[in-house]
């Protein structure tokens, strides 16, 4: 593969990146080709030493997505980062997706429990309106207790969610470094 082919494949593989990021990366690779050619290397040698342009693009996209998550930890940025890291290789489908789905399931369950507990007084009120003969004062006190517990759970879930997302982003960064290290050492 010559420089022109390498650069075209790399550019098309980087299409998901913003134009300014893409142009900067392409300039860097163009400079790399220029310096190596000045040292007497052939374009084919340089392209082979760099590796597959598609894999390079996947690694750069994953790195970019992880940087976005670190700047703005929105749910959409986290999902994009997860998919970018999974795209690095089939093995990552299991190494990244399984922990991510487990983490998301635990977080969703915690939030649902908190919301359910907070809503329990409303359920007691509805039950009292529908069947006033079944009114028990214990139910009122228990629902108030559960609502208070639900508030504590919601506050805890807020902090747990922030903490676990930070930990997961570190895990994704570690995964990208392992993949990059594995590519360069292999």
C-alpha atoms as a PDB file:
ATOM      1  CA  UNK A   1       0.000   0.000   0.000  1.00  0.00           C
ATOM      2  CA  UNK A   2       1.411   3.398  -0.947  1.00  0.00           C
ATOM      3  CA  UNK A   3       0.993   6.731   0.844  1.00  0.00           C
ATOM      4  CA  UNK A   4      -1.985   7.812  -1.269  1.00  0.00           C
ATOM      5  CA  UNK A   5      -3.919   4.597  -0.581  1.00  0.00           C
ATOM      6  CA  UNK A   6      -3.026   4.674   3.119  1.00  0.00           C
ATOM      7  CA  UNK A   7      -4.123   8.299   3.517  1.00  0.00           C
ATOM      8  CA  UNK A   8      -7.400   7.746   1.611  1.00  0.00           C
ATOM      9  CA  UNK A   9      -8.331   4.733   3.737  1.00  0.00           C
ATOM     10  CA  UNK A  10      -7.365   6.589   6.912  1.00  0.00           C
ATOM     11  CA  UNK A  11      -9.374   9.667   5.916  1.00  0.00           C
ATOM     12  CA  UNK A  12     -12.498   7.662   5.085  1.00  0.00           C
ATOM     13  CA  UNK A  13     -12.131   5.659   8.316  1.00  0.00           C
ATOM     14  CA  UNK A  14     -11.935   8.898  10.331  1.00  0.00           C
ATOM     15  CA  UNK A  15     -15.197  10.256   8.888  1.00  0.00           C
ATOM     16  CA  UNK A  16     -16.904  10.178  12.318  1.00  0.00           C
ATOM     17  CA  UNK A  17     -14.407  12.658  13.747  1.00  0.00           C
ATOM     18  CA  UNK A  18     -14.908  16.426  13.446  1.00  0.00           C
ATOM     19  CA  UNK A  19     -13.205  17.942  10.399  1.00  0.00           C
ATOM     20  CA  UNK A  20     -10.550  19.854  12.376  1.00  0.00           C
ATOM     21  CA  UNK A  21      -9.525  16.728  14.330  1.00  0.00           C
ATOM     22  CA  UNK A  22      -9.453  14.676  11.143  1.00  0.00           C
ATOM     23  CA  UNK A  23      -7.315  17.238   9.307  1.00  0.00           C
ATOM     24  CA  UNK A  24      -4.828  17.435  12.180  1.00  0.00           C
ATOM     25  CA  UNK A  25      -4.441  13.648  12.242  1.00  0.00           C
ATOM     26  CA  UNK A  26      -3.998  13.484   8.483  1.00  0.00           C
ATOM     27  CA  UNK A  27      -1.329  16.223   8.646  1.00  0.00           C
ATOM     28  CA  UNK A  28       0.517  14.247  11.309  1.00  0.00           C
ATOM     29  CA  UNK A  29       0.529  11.107   9.184  1.00  0.00           C
ATOM     30  CA  UNK A  30       1.513  13.076   6.104  1.00  0.00           C
ATOM     31  CA  UNK A  31       4.451  14.519   8.067  1.00  0.00           C
ATOM     32  CA  UNK A  32       5.371  11.021   9.233  1.00  0.00           C
ATOM     33  CA  UNK A  33       5.496   9.828   5.630  1.00  0.00           C
ATOM     34  CA  UNK A  34       7.562  12.858   4.604  1.00  0.00           C
ATOM     35  CA  UNK A  35      10.147  12.414   7.383  1.00  0.00           C
ATOM     36  CA  UNK A  36      10.474   8.686   6.774  1.00  0.00           C
ATOM     37  CA  UNK A  37      10.870   9.213   3.015  1.00  0.00           C
ATOM     38  CA  UNK A  38      13.618  11.755   3.681  1.00  0.00           C
ATOM     39  CA  UNK A  39      15.396   8.983   5.621  1.00  0.00           C
ATOM     40  CA  UNK A  40      15.257   6.851   2.466  1.00  0.00           C
ATOM     41  CA  UNK A  41      12.315   4.588   3.303  1.00  0.00           C
ATOM     42  CA  UNK A  42       9.793   3.594   0.653  1.00  0.00           C
ATOM     43  CA  UNK A  43       6.100   4.455   0.971  1.00  0.00           C
ATOM     44  CA  UNK A  44       5.146   0.784   1.194  1.00  0.00           C
ATOM     45  CA  UNK A  45       7.581   0.213   4.080  1.00  0.00           C
ATOM     46  CA  UNK A  46       6.249   3.219   5.951  1.00  0.00           C
ATOM     47  CA  UNK A  47       2.625   2.180   5.471  1.00  0.00           C
ATOM     48  CA  UNK A  48       3.419  -1.363   6.617  1.00  0.00           C
ATOM     49  CA  UNK A  49       5.262  -0.117   9.711  1.00  0.00           C
ATOM     50  CA  UNK A  50       2.318   2.110  10.676  1.00  0.00           C
ATOM     51  CA  UNK A  51      -0.172  -0.741  10.533  1.00  0.00           C
ATOM     52  CA  UNK A  52      -3.671  -0.974   9.131  1.00  0.00           C
ATOM     53  CA  UNK A  53      -5.236   2.470   8.633  1.00  0.00           C
ATOM     54  CA  UNK A  54      -8.662   1.153   9.662  1.00  0.00           C
ATOM     55  CA  UNK A  55      -7.286  -0.069  13.007  1.00  0.00           C
ATOM     56  CA  UNK A  56      -5.454   3.227  13.535  1.00  0.00           C
ATOM     57  CA  UNK A  57      -8.712   5.082  12.868  1.00  0.00           C
ATOM     58  CA  UNK A  58     -10.610   2.869  15.338  1.00  0.00           C
ATOM     59  CA  UNK A  59      -8.013   3.562  18.036  1.00  0.00           C
ATOM     60  CA  UNK A  60      -8.064   7.304  17.342  1.00  0.00           C
ATOM     61  CA  UNK A  61     -11.873   7.363  17.374  1.00  0.00           C
ATOM     62  CA  UNK A  62     -11.971   5.471  20.687  1.00  0.00           C
ATOM     63  CA  UNK A  63      -9.427   7.874  22.183  1.00  0.00           C
ATOM     64  CA  UNK A  64     -11.415  10.872  20.926  1.00  0.00           C
ATOM     65  CA  UNK A  65     -14.684   9.489  22.345  1.00  0.00           C
ATOM     66  CA  UNK A  66     -13.045   8.849  25.723  1.00  0.00           C
ATOM     67  CA  UNK A  67     -11.709  12.410  25.791  1.00  0.00           C
ATOM     68  CA  UNK A  68     -15.267  13.622  25.125  1.00  0.00           C
ATOM     69  CA  UNK A  69     -16.554  11.578  28.070  1.00  0.00           C
ATOM     70  CA  UNK A  70     -13.892  13.059  30.347  1.00  0.00           C
ATOM     71  CA  UNK A  71     -14.936  16.576  29.287  1.00  0.00           C
ATOM     72  CA  UNK A  72     -18.681  15.920  29.343  1.00  0.00           C
ATOM     73  CA  UNK A  73     -19.863  12.693  30.959  1.00  0.00           C
ATOM     74  CA  UNK A  74     -23.275  12.699  29.311  1.00  0.00           C
ATOM     75  CA  UNK A  75     -24.993   9.397  28.659  1.00  0.00           C
ATOM     76  CA  UNK A  76     -24.701   9.808  24.880  1.00  0.00           C
ATOM     77  CA  UNK A  77     -20.948  10.410  25.123  1.00  0.00           C
ATOM     78  CA  UNK A  78     -20.540   7.346  27.332  1.00  0.00           C
ATOM     79  CA  UNK A  79     -22.488   5.165  24.877  1.00  0.00           C
ATOM     80  CA  UNK A  80     -20.411   6.500  21.965  1.00  0.00           C
ATOM     81  CA  UNK A  81     -17.208   5.751  23.864  1.00  0.00           C
ATOM     82  CA  UNK A  82     -18.373   2.228  24.687  1.00  0.00           C
ATOM     83  CA  UNK A  83     -19.199   1.507  21.040  1.00  0.00           C
ATOM     84  CA  UNK A  84     -15.903   3.018  19.872  1.00  0.00           C
ATOM     85  CA  UNK A  85     -13.941   0.813  22.276  1.00  0.00           C
ATOM     86  CA  UNK A  86     -15.977  -2.254  21.282  1.00  0.00           C
ATOM     87  CA  UNK A  87     -15.119  -1.415  17.673  1.00  0.00           C
ATOM     88  CA  UNK A  88     -11.422  -1.945  18.412  1.00  0.00           C
ATOM     89  CA  UNK A  89     -11.874  -5.678  18.197  1.00  0.00           C
ATOM     90  CA  UNK A  90     -14.275  -8.578  18.525  1.00  0.00           C
ATOM     91  CA  UNK A  91     -12.720  -9.549  21.860  1.00  0.00           C
ATOM     92  CA  UNK A  92     -13.798  -6.164  23.248  1.00  0.00           C
ATOM     93  CA  UNK A  93     -17.406  -7.049  22.578  1.00  0.00           C
ATOM     94  CA  UNK A  94     -17.262  -9.327  25.617  1.00  0.00           C
ATOM     95  CA  UNK A  95     -14.659  -7.451  27.649  1.00  0.00           C
ATOM     96  CA  UNK A  96     -16.431  -4.081  27.404  1.00  0.00           C
ATOM     97  CA  UNK A  97     -20.082  -4.795  26.690  1.00  0.00           C
ATOM     98  CA  UNK A  98     -20.719  -7.330  29.471  1.00  0.00           C
ATOM     99  CA  UNK A  99     -19.395  -5.107  32.302  1.00  0.00           C
ATOM    100  CA  UNK A 100     -21.149  -2.082  30.791  1.00  0.00           C
ATOM    101  CA  UNK A 101     -24.525  -3.824  30.612  1.00  0.00           C
ATOM    102  CA  UNK A 102     -24.069  -5.167  34.148  1.00  0.00           C
ATOM    103  CA  UNK A 103     -23.190  -1.716  35.440  1.00  0.00           C
ATOM    104  CA  UNK A 104     -26.109  -0.062  33.666  1.00  0.00           C
ATOM    105  CA  UNK A 105     -28.512  -2.751  34.934  1.00  0.00           C
ATOM    106  CA  UNK A 106     -27.400  -2.272  38.530  1.00  0.00           C
ATOM    107  CA  UNK A 107     -27.708   1.503  38.240  1.00  0.00           C
ATOM    108  CA  UNK A 108     -31.160   1.315  36.661  1.00  0.00           C
ATOM    109  CA  UNK A 109     -32.325  -1.106  39.355  1.00  0.00           C
ATOM    110  CA  UNK A 110     -31.073   1.219  42.105  1.00  0.00           C
ATOM    111  CA  UNK A 111     -32.806   4.236  40.588  1.00  0.00           C
ATOM    112  CA  UNK A 112     -36.056   2.285  40.141  1.00  0.00           C
ATOM    113  CA  UNK A 113     -35.988   1.139  43.781  1.00  0.00           C
ATOM    114  CA  UNK A 114     -35.424   4.721  44.963  1.00  0.00           C
ATOM    115  CA  UNK A 115     -38.235   6.093  42.815  1.00  0.00           C
ATOM    116  CA  UNK A 116     -40.582   3.270  43.880  1.00  0.00           C
ATOM    117  CA  UNK A 117     -39.916   3.903  47.539  1.00  0.00           C
ATOM    118  CA  UNK A 118     -40.520   7.617  47.118  1.00  0.00           C
ATOM    119  CA  UNK A 119     -43.801   6.887  45.352  1.00  0.00           C
ATOM    120  CA  UNK A 120     -45.083   4.523  48.042  1.00  0.00           C
ATOM    121  CA  UNK A 121     -47.149   7.161  49.924  1.00  0.00           C
ATOM    122  CA  UNK A 122     -48.954   7.869  46.661  1.00  0.00           C
ATOM    123  CA  UNK A 123     -49.847   4.183  46.376  1.00  0.00           C
ATOM    124  CA  UNK A 124     -51.188   4.140  49.940  1.00  0.00           C
ATOM    125  CA  UNK A 125     -53.267   7.227  49.144  1.00  0.00           C
ATOM    126  CA  UNK A 126     -54.673   5.608  45.994  1.00  0.00           C
ATOM    127  CA  UNK A 127     -55.429   2.415  47.940  1.00  0.00           C
ATOM    128  CA  UNK A 128     -57.221   4.448  50.632  1.00  0.00           C
ATOM    129  CA  UNK A 129     -59.317   6.267  48.005  1.00  0.00           C
ATOM    130  CA  UNK A 130     -60.242   3.044  46.214  1.00  0.00           C
ATOM    131  CA  UNK A 131     -60.912   0.926  49.326  1.00  0.00           C
ATOM    132  CA  UNK A 132     -61.350   3.190  52.368  1.00  0.00           C
ATOM    133  CA  UNK A 133     -62.428   0.234  54.526  1.00  0.00           C
ATOM    134  CA  UNK A 134     -58.913  -1.266  54.235  1.00  0.00           C
ATOM    135  CA  UNK A 135     -57.190   1.813  55.646  1.00  0.00           C
ATOM    136  CA  UNK A 136     -54.477   0.900  58.148  1.00  0.00           C
ATOM    137  CA  UNK A 137     -52.401   3.539  59.907  1.00  0.00           C
ATOM    138  CA  UNK A 138     -49.399   1.221  59.786  1.00  0.00           C
ATOM    139  CA  UNK A 139     -49.443   1.448  55.957  1.00  0.00           C
ATOM    140  CA  UNK A 140     -49.218   5.238  56.151  1.00  0.00           C
ATOM    141  CA  UNK A 141     -46.254   5.182  58.510  1.00  0.00           C
ATOM    142  CA  UNK A 142     -44.525   2.444  56.530  1.00  0.00           C
ATOM    143  CA  UNK A 143     -44.972   4.363  53.265  1.00  0.00           C
ATOM    144  CA  UNK A 144     -43.563   7.523  54.869  1.00  0.00           C
ATOM    145  CA  UNK A 145     -40.603   5.484  56.115  1.00  0.00           C
ATOM    146  CA  UNK A 146     -40.089   4.025  52.627  1.00  0.00           C
ATOM    147  CA  UNK A 147     -40.326   7.497  51.055  1.00  0.00           C
ATOM    148  CA  UNK A 148     -37.588   8.729  53.375  1.00  0.00           C
ATOM    149  CA  UNK A 149     -35.503   5.664  52.626  1.00  0.00           C
ATOM    150  CA  UNK A 150     -36.141   6.246  48.913  1.00  0.00           C
ATOM    151  CA  UNK A 151     -34.768   9.784  49.216  1.00  0.00           C
ATOM    152  CA  UNK A 152     -31.596   8.421  50.798  1.00  0.00           C
ATOM    153  CA  UNK A 153     -31.342   5.776  48.085  1.00  0.00           C
ATOM    154  CA  UNK A 154     -31.754   8.431  45.357  1.00  0.00           C
ATOM    155  CA  UNK A 155     -29.062  10.624  46.892  1.00  0.00           C
ATOM    156  CA  UNK A 156     -26.793   7.595  47.197  1.00  0.00           C
ATOM    157  CA  UNK A 157     -27.539   6.518  43.631  1.00  0.00           C
ATOM    158  CA  UNK A 158     -26.550   9.950  42.349  1.00  0.00           C
ATOM    159  CA  UNK A 159     -23.089   9.605  43.885  1.00  0.00           C
ATOM    160  CA  UNK A 160     -22.780   5.915  43.034  1.00  0.00           C
ATOM    161  CA  UNK A 161     -23.667   6.673  39.405  1.00  0.00           C
ATOM    162  CA  UNK A 162     -21.046   9.418  39.161  1.00  0.00           C
ATOM    163  CA  UNK A 163     -18.398   7.236  40.808  1.00  0.00           C
ATOM    164  CA  UNK A 164     -19.122   4.113  38.753  1.00  0.00           C
ATOM    165  CA  UNK A 165     -19.127   6.087  35.506  1.00  0.00           C
ATOM    166  CA  UNK A 166     -15.699   7.514  36.378  1.00  0.00           C
ATOM    167  CA  UNK A 167     -14.442   4.007  37.151  1.00  0.00           C
ATOM    168  CA  UNK A 168     -15.911   2.677  33.897  1.00  0.00           C
ATOM    169  CA  UNK A 169     -14.285   5.456  31.857  1.00  0.00           C
ATOM    170  CA  UNK A 170     -10.945   4.496  33.446  1.00  0.00           C
ATOM    171  CA  UNK A 171     -11.642   0.898  32.496  1.00  0.00           C
ATOM    172  CA  UNK A 172     -12.312   1.962  28.901  1.00  0.00           C
ATOM    173  CA  UNK A 173      -9.076   3.984  28.834  1.00  0.00           C
ATOM    174  CA  UNK A 174      -7.186   0.991  30.186  1.00  0.00           C
ATOM    175  CA  UNK A 175      -8.789  -1.233  27.548  1.00  0.00           C
ATOM    176  CA  UNK A 176      -7.758   1.155  24.753  1.00  0.00           C
ATOM    177  CA  UNK A 177      -4.176   1.247  26.061  1.00  0.00           C
ATOM    178  CA  UNK A 178      -4.056  -2.548  26.189  1.00  0.00           C
ATOM    179  CA  UNK A 179      -5.331  -2.780  22.615  1.00  0.00           C
ATOM    180  CA  UNK A 180      -2.870  -0.160  21.403  1.00  0.00           C
ATOM    181  CA  UNK A 181      -0.024  -1.814  23.282  1.00  0.00           C
ATOM    182  CA  UNK A 182      -1.013  -5.177  21.899  1.00  0.00           C
ATOM    183  CA  UNK A 183      -1.037  -3.745  18.379  1.00  0.00           C
ATOM    184  CA  UNK A 184       2.369  -2.096  18.645  1.00  0.00           C
ATOM    185  CA  UNK A 185       4.053  -5.039  20.381  1.00  0.00           C
ATOM    186  CA  UNK A 186       2.534  -7.660  18.089  1.00  0.00           C
END
